[in-house]
Amino acid sequence: MSDKPTNARAEIASRLRTAREAAGLSQGQVAKMLGVHRPTISEIEAGRRRVSAEELSQLAKIYDVSPEWLTEGSTSGSEGDERLRLAARQLSKLKDQDLDRLMMVIRMLKRQSGT
């Protein structure tokens, strides 16, 4: 069986990387939490290594996202919940001045789209 990334594996890998970065963790920190070597996390996030169900469950807990979001990009509730939670984590790290600028951009985008 080939270890070449499939589309589904690549999508899961991308969501795992996004969730890790949003959680503010390095690959090394996650590897330590899982009891694996850092290159293992790199291989998972590149889609070159399959993730076991147990690892996926552990990663979901570490990143505070649902396993469904990691595997399917959706949740049993609102599909945007996980994405909003990840975005909120990133927003909480911004300086007040940067957050004010971002809010101006959001208001401009809303006006342009008419919502």
Protein backbone atom coordinates (compact mmCIF):
# COMPACT_ATOMS: atom_id res chain seq x y z
CA MET A 1 0.00 0.00 0.00
CA SER A 2 1.34 3.43 -0.94
CA ASP A 3 2.10 6.12 1.61
CA LYS A 4 1.43 8.75 -1.05
CA PRO A 5 -1.01 11.29 0.45
CA THR A 6 -4.59 10.97 -0.72
CA ASN A 7 -6.86 14.01 -0.99
CA ALA A 8 -8.62 13.06 2.24
CA ARG A 9 -5.35 12.51 4.08
CA ALA A 10 -4.01 15.82 2.76
CA GLU A 11 -7.13 17.63 3.99
CA ILE A 12 -6.85 16.04 7.43
CA ALA A 13 -3.15 16.92 7.52
CA SER A 14 -3.95 20.54 6.68
CA ARG A 15 -6.60 20.77 9.40
CA LEU A 16 -4.20 19.20 11.92
CA ARG A 17 -1.56 21.80 11.10
CA THR A 18 -4.11 24.64 11.26
CA ALA A 19 -5.40 23.43 14.63
CA ARG A 20 -1.88 23.03 16.04
CA GLU A 21 -0.86 26.51 14.94
CA ALA A 22 -4.10 28.00 16.28
CA ALA A 23 -3.42 26.29 19.61
CA GLY A 24 -0.03 28.01 19.63
CA LEU A 25 1.90 24.76 19.84
CA SER A 26 5.06 23.69 18.06
CA GLN A 27 5.44 20.29 16.44
CA GLY A 28 7.94 19.44 19.17
CA GLN A 29 5.49 20.29 21.94
CA VAL A 30 2.76 18.16 20.36
CA ALA A 31 5.20 15.29 19.82
CA LYS A 32 6.14 15.39 23.50
CA MET A 33 2.46 15.34 24.54
CA LEU A 34 1.84 12.30 22.34
CA GLY A 35 5.08 10.56 23.29
CA VAL A 36 6.40 10.47 19.71
CA HIS A 37 9.32 12.10 17.91
CA ARG A 38 8.88 15.54 16.29
CA PRO A 39 9.40 14.21 12.75
CA THR A 40 6.32 12.04 13.29
CA ILE A 41 4.18 15.17 13.65
CA SER A 42 5.85 16.66 10.59
CA GLU A 43 5.07 13.52 8.58
CA ILE A 44 1.43 13.56 9.76
CA GLU A 45 1.00 17.23 8.86
CA ALA A 46 2.56 16.61 5.44
CA GLY A 47 0.05 13.81 4.83
CA ARG A 48 2.79 11.22 4.48
CA ARG A 49 1.87 9.31 7.63
CA ARG A 50 -1.52 7.93 8.53
CA VAL A 51 -3.03 8.94 11.85
CA SER A 52 -4.51 6.23 14.05
CA ALA A 53 -7.93 6.74 15.61
CA GLU A 54 -6.30 6.98 19.04
CA GLU A 55 -3.84 9.63 17.83
CA LEU A 56 -6.64 11.57 16.16
CA SER A 57 -8.64 11.54 19.39
CA GLN A 58 -5.62 12.72 21.39
CA LEU A 59 -4.84 15.47 18.88
CA ALA A 60 -8.45 16.68 18.96
CA LYS A 61 -8.24 16.98 22.76
CA ILE A 62 -4.87 18.75 22.63
CA TYR A 63 -6.13 21.23 20.01
CA ASP A 64 -9.60 21.57 21.58
CA VAL A 65 -11.41 20.71 18.36
CA SER A 66 -13.74 17.86 17.50
CA PRO A 67 -12.45 14.71 15.79
CA GLU A 68 -15.21 15.26 13.21
CA TRP A 69 -13.76 18.62 12.29
CA LEU A 70 -10.29 17.10 11.88
CA THR A 71 -11.53 14.27 9.68
CA GLU A 72 -14.41 15.85 7.77
CA GLY A 73 -14.02 19.59 8.20
CA SER A 74 -17.40 19.77 9.89
CA THR A 75 -18.96 19.23 13.28
CA SER A 76 -22.20 17.73 14.45
CA GLY A 77 -23.32 21.26 15.32
CA SER A 78 -22.64 24.26 13.18
CA GLU A 79 -19.96 23.63 10.55
CA GLY A 80 -18.30 26.94 11.32
CA ASP A 81 -17.99 26.40 15.09
CA GLU A 82 -14.51 24.89 14.96
CA ARG A 83 -13.25 27.45 12.45
CA LEU A 84 -14.63 30.25 14.61
CA ARG A 85 -12.98 28.81 17.70
CA LEU A 86 -9.65 28.60 15.87
CA ALA A 87 -10.05 32.16 14.58
CA ALA A 88 -10.92 33.40 18.07
CA ARG A 89 -7.70 31.91 19.43
CA GLN A 90 -5.72 33.80 16.82
CA LEU A 91 -7.62 37.02 17.49
CA SER A 92 -6.96 36.75 21.22
CA LYS A 93 -3.23 36.89 20.51
CA LEU A 94 -3.42 40.22 18.65
CA LYS A 95 -2.44 43.53 20.19
CA ASP A 96 -5.33 45.95 20.73
CA GLN A 97 -4.12 48.20 17.91
CA ASP A 98 -3.94 45.28 15.45
CA LEU A 99 -7.37 44.04 16.51
CA ASP A 100 -8.82 47.53 15.91
CA ARG A 101 -7.32 47.55 12.40
CA LEU A 102 -8.71 44.10 11.70
CA MET A 103 -12.17 45.21 12.83
CA MET A 104 -11.94 48.13 10.36
CA VAL A 105 -11.14 45.69 7.56
CA ILE A 106 -14.07 43.47 8.55
CA ARG A 107 -16.45 46.45 8.52
CA MET A 108 -15.17 47.43 5.06
CA LEU A 109 -15.68 43.89 3.76
CA LYS A 110 -19.20 43.79 5.15
CA ARG A 111 -20.05 47.08 3.46
CA GLN A 112 -18.66 45.84 0.15
CA SER A 113 -20.64 42.61 0.34
CA GLY A 114 -23.81 44.42 1.45
CA THR A 115 -24.32 42.39 4.63
